[in-house]
Amino acid sequence: MKIYKGIMRVITVIENAVLAVSMLLVLVLTFGNVVARKVFNHSWGFTDEIVVAVFVLISLLAAGVAAKEGGLVNLGLITDNVGPKAKKVLLFISTVICVIYSAILTWEAIGQVRKEMAMPMPKSSPILHIPTYYFWGFVVVGGISLLLHFIEYFVDYCAARKAEGKEG
């Protein structure tokens, strides 16, 4: 369990660094585009492609980090009004559904990357002509992040409940 938690700590540090750099990139590109449009009367067309792709990465990684803290997909109206055993069962069901969703998302994104890489002329973005499988790679990374953090939250919850049971 200690090895698992150590690995997840490293993954979270990497995710947070990627999130910070990604947000900075979006900020710089968007601000630069506004300045270019207002001062030079010329817009940077490429920023839209990059910003949209990076927002996908940001959204999925941030959702993974939120899942780690139990801050994603939680309906407290039900779980706050049931006993500890029922809460654990509901959390287990929720975790299974979220893990299945994350696995399907990741699997489909991997399939899309493989399909596009196998094309003689892979699809590319209209302005920068970057192969779109790179952008699908962001979905793969985000899906794996979600998968790992949903499992991590459930394991942490069960460990905390077990520790509470030993103390009380």
Protein backbone atom coordinates (compact mmCIF):
# COMPACT_ATOMS: atom_id res chain seq x y z
CA MET A 1 0.00 0.00 0.00
CA LYS A 2 2.89 2.37 0.75
CA ILE A 3 4.35 1.77 -2.71
CA TYR A 4 0.98 2.49 -4.29
CA LYS A 5 0.57 5.73 -2.32
CA GLY A 6 4.12 6.78 -3.23
CA ILE A 7 3.46 6.20 -6.92
CA MET A 8 0.18 8.14 -6.72
CA ARG A 9 1.96 11.01 -4.94
CA VAL A 10 4.47 11.23 -7.80
CA ILE A 11 1.69 11.04 -10.40
CA THR A 12 -0.21 13.84 -8.62
CA VAL A 13 2.89 16.06 -8.54
CA ILE A 14 3.38 15.49 -12.27
CA GLU A 15 -0.31 16.18 -12.96
CA ASN A 16 -0.20 19.40 -10.95
CA ALA A 17 2.91 20.53 -12.82
CA VAL A 18 1.28 19.74 -16.18
CA LEU A 19 -1.86 21.59 -15.08
CA ALA A 20 0.14 24.66 -14.05
CA VAL A 21 2.15 24.74 -17.28
CA SER A 22 -1.00 24.14 -19.35
CA MET A 23 -2.88 26.96 -17.64
CA LEU A 24 0.09 29.27 -18.15
CA LEU A 25 0.25 28.30 -21.82
CA VAL A 26 -3.46 29.01 -22.30
CA LEU A 27 -3.11 32.33 -20.49
CA VAL A 28 -0.11 33.45 -22.54
CA LEU A 29 -1.62 32.38 -25.87
CA THR A 30 -5.00 33.94 -25.15
CA PHE A 31 -3.50 37.18 -23.85
CA GLY A 32 -1.06 37.32 -26.78
CA ASN A 33 -3.91 36.80 -29.22
CA VAL A 34 -5.92 39.63 -27.64
CA VAL A 35 -2.92 41.97 -27.79
CA ALA A 36 -2.18 40.99 -31.40
CA ARG A 37 -5.81 41.56 -32.37
CA LYS A 38 -6.14 44.94 -30.62
CA VAL A 39 -2.67 46.40 -31.23
CA PHE A 40 -1.71 44.91 -34.61
CA ASN A 41 -5.22 44.28 -35.93
CA HIS A 42 -4.21 40.70 -36.68
CA SER A 43 -5.40 37.59 -34.84
CA TRP A 44 -3.30 34.49 -34.18
CA GLY A 45 -5.43 31.78 -35.75
CA PHE A 46 -3.33 28.96 -34.36
CA THR A 47 -4.17 29.79 -30.76
CA ASP A 48 -7.69 28.38 -31.07
CA GLU A 49 -6.39 24.92 -32.00
CA ILE A 50 -3.86 24.81 -29.20
CA VAL A 51 -6.12 26.29 -26.53
CA VAL A 52 -9.00 23.91 -27.27
CA ALA A 53 -6.69 20.87 -27.21
CA VAL A 54 -5.00 21.99 -23.99
CA PHE A 55 -8.40 22.67 -22.38
CA VAL A 56 -9.29 19.02 -22.96
CA LEU A 57 -6.14 18.01 -21.13
CA ILE A 58 -6.77 20.52 -18.33
CA SER A 59 -10.39 19.42 -17.89
CA LEU A 60 -9.59 15.72 -17.65
CA LEU A 61 -6.51 16.08 -15.43
CA ALA A 62 -8.31 18.49 -13.11
CA ALA A 63 -11.23 16.06 -12.92
CA GLY A 64 -8.76 13.33 -11.96
CA VAL A 65 -7.24 15.47 -9.22
CA ALA A 66 -10.76 16.34 -7.98
CA ALA A 67 -11.67 12.62 -7.97
CA LYS A 68 -8.66 11.99 -5.73
CA GLU A 69 -10.20 14.23 -3.10
CA GLY A 70 -13.71 12.83 -3.58
CA GLY A 71 -14.83 16.13 -5.07
CA LEU A 72 -16.18 14.72 -8.29
CA VAL A 73 -19.53 13.06 -8.94
CA ASN A 74 -20.85 13.08 -5.41
CA LEU A 75 -24.49 13.37 -4.48
CA GLY A 76 -24.35 14.22 -0.78
CA LEU A 77 -28.13 14.36 -0.50
CA ILE A 78 -28.22 10.57 -0.45
CA THR A 79 -24.86 9.61 1.07
CA ASP A 80 -25.12 12.10 3.94
CA ASN A 81 -28.42 10.57 5.08
CA VAL A 82 -27.41 6.91 5.25
CA GLY A 83 -25.32 4.89 7.67
CA PRO A 84 -21.61 4.15 7.23
CA LYS A 85 -22.17 0.69 5.72
CA ALA A 86 -24.72 1.95 3.19
CA LYS A 87 -22.42 4.87 2.38
CA LYS A 88 -19.57 2.46 1.68
CA VAL A 89 -21.83 0.37 -0.60
CA LEU A 90 -22.99 3.48 -2.48
CA LEU A 91 -19.40 4.68 -2.81
CA PHE A 92 -18.39 1.27 -4.13
CA ILE A 93 -21.17 1.34 -6.75
CA SER A 94 -20.25 4.90 -7.71
CA THR A 95 -16.57 3.96 -7.97
CA VAL A 96 -17.32 0.94 -10.17
CA ILE A 97 -19.42 3.08 -12.52
CA CYS A 98 -16.75 5.81 -12.66
CA VAL A 99 -13.95 3.29 -13.23
CA ILE A 100 -15.94 1.67 -16.04
CA TYR A 101 -16.58 5.08 -17.60
CA SER A 102 -12.89 6.03 -17.31
CA ALA A 103 -11.79 2.69 -18.78
CA ILE A 104 -14.18 3.06 -21.73
CA LEU A 105 -13.05 6.65 -22.30
CA THR A 106 -9.40 5.60 -22.25
CA TRP A 107 -9.99 2.53 -24.43
CA GLU A 108 -11.91 4.51 -27.05
CA ALA A 109 -9.28 7.25 -27.10
CA ILE A 110 -6.51 4.67 -27.55
CA GLY A 111 -8.52 3.15 -30.39
CA GLN A 112 -8.86 6.56 -32.02
CA VAL A 113 -5.12 7.22 -31.70
CA ARG A 114 -4.30 3.81 -33.23
CA LYS A 115 -6.83 4.27 -36.03
CA GLU A 116 -5.51 7.69 -36.96
CA MET A 117 -1.86 6.61 -36.71
CA ALA A 118 -2.58 3.72 -39.09
CA MET A 119 -3.95 6.03 -41.78
CA PRO A 120 -1.63 6.64 -44.75
CA MET A 121 -2.40 10.35 -44.38
CA PRO A 122 -3.38 10.95 -40.74
CA LYS A 123 -5.94 13.65 -40.01
CA SER A 124 -4.36 16.92 -39.02
CA SER A 125 -5.47 20.18 -37.50
CA PRO A 126 -6.52 22.78 -40.09
CA ILE A 127 -4.07 25.57 -39.23
CA LEU A 128 -0.99 24.00 -37.64
CA HIS A 129 -1.30 20.66 -39.46
CA ILE A 130 -0.54 18.74 -36.28
CA PRO A 131 -1.76 15.14 -36.46
CA THR A 132 -4.98 14.93 -34.44
CA TYR A 133 -3.86 11.73 -32.74
CA TYR A 134 -1.67 13.92 -30.53
CA PHE A 135 -4.81 15.63 -29.28
CA TRP A 136 -6.48 12.24 -28.72
CA GLY A 137 -3.43 11.40 -26.63
CA PHE A 138 -4.58 14.08 -24.18
CA VAL A 139 -7.84 12.14 -23.74
CA VAL A 140 -5.85 8.94 -23.07
CA VAL A 141 -3.77 10.68 -20.40
CA GLY A 142 -6.86 12.23 -18.82
CA GLY A 143 -8.76 8.94 -18.84
CA ILE A 144 -5.90 7.14 -17.11
CA SER A 145 -5.72 9.95 -14.54
CA LEU A 146 -9.44 9.59 -13.81
CA LEU A 147 -9.17 5.82 -13.55
CA LEU A 148 -6.26 5.93 -11.10
CA HIS A 149 -7.74 8.64 -8.90
CA PHE A 150 -11.20 7.07 -8.63
CA ILE A 151 -9.54 3.88 -7.40
CA GLU A 152 -7.23 5.85 -5.09
CA TYR A 153 -10.15 7.69 -3.48
CA PHE A 154 -12.06 4.47 -2.83
CA VAL A 155 -9.00 2.74 -1.35
CA ASP A 156 -8.29 5.78 0.86
CA TYR A 157 -11.93 5.90 2.00
CA CYS A 158 -11.92 2.19 2.91
CA ALA A 159 -8.59 2.55 4.76
CA ALA A 160 -9.92 5.52 6.74
CA ARG A 161 -13.11 3.62 7.64
CA LYS A 162 -11.05 0.62 8.73
CA ALA A 163 -8.84 2.86 10.89
CA GLU A 164 -11.92 4.45 12.47
CA GLY A 165 -13.31 0.99 13.25
CA LYS A 166 -10.11 -0.02 15.08
CA GLU A 167 -10.04 3.19 17.12
CA GLY A 168 -13.70 3.15 18.15
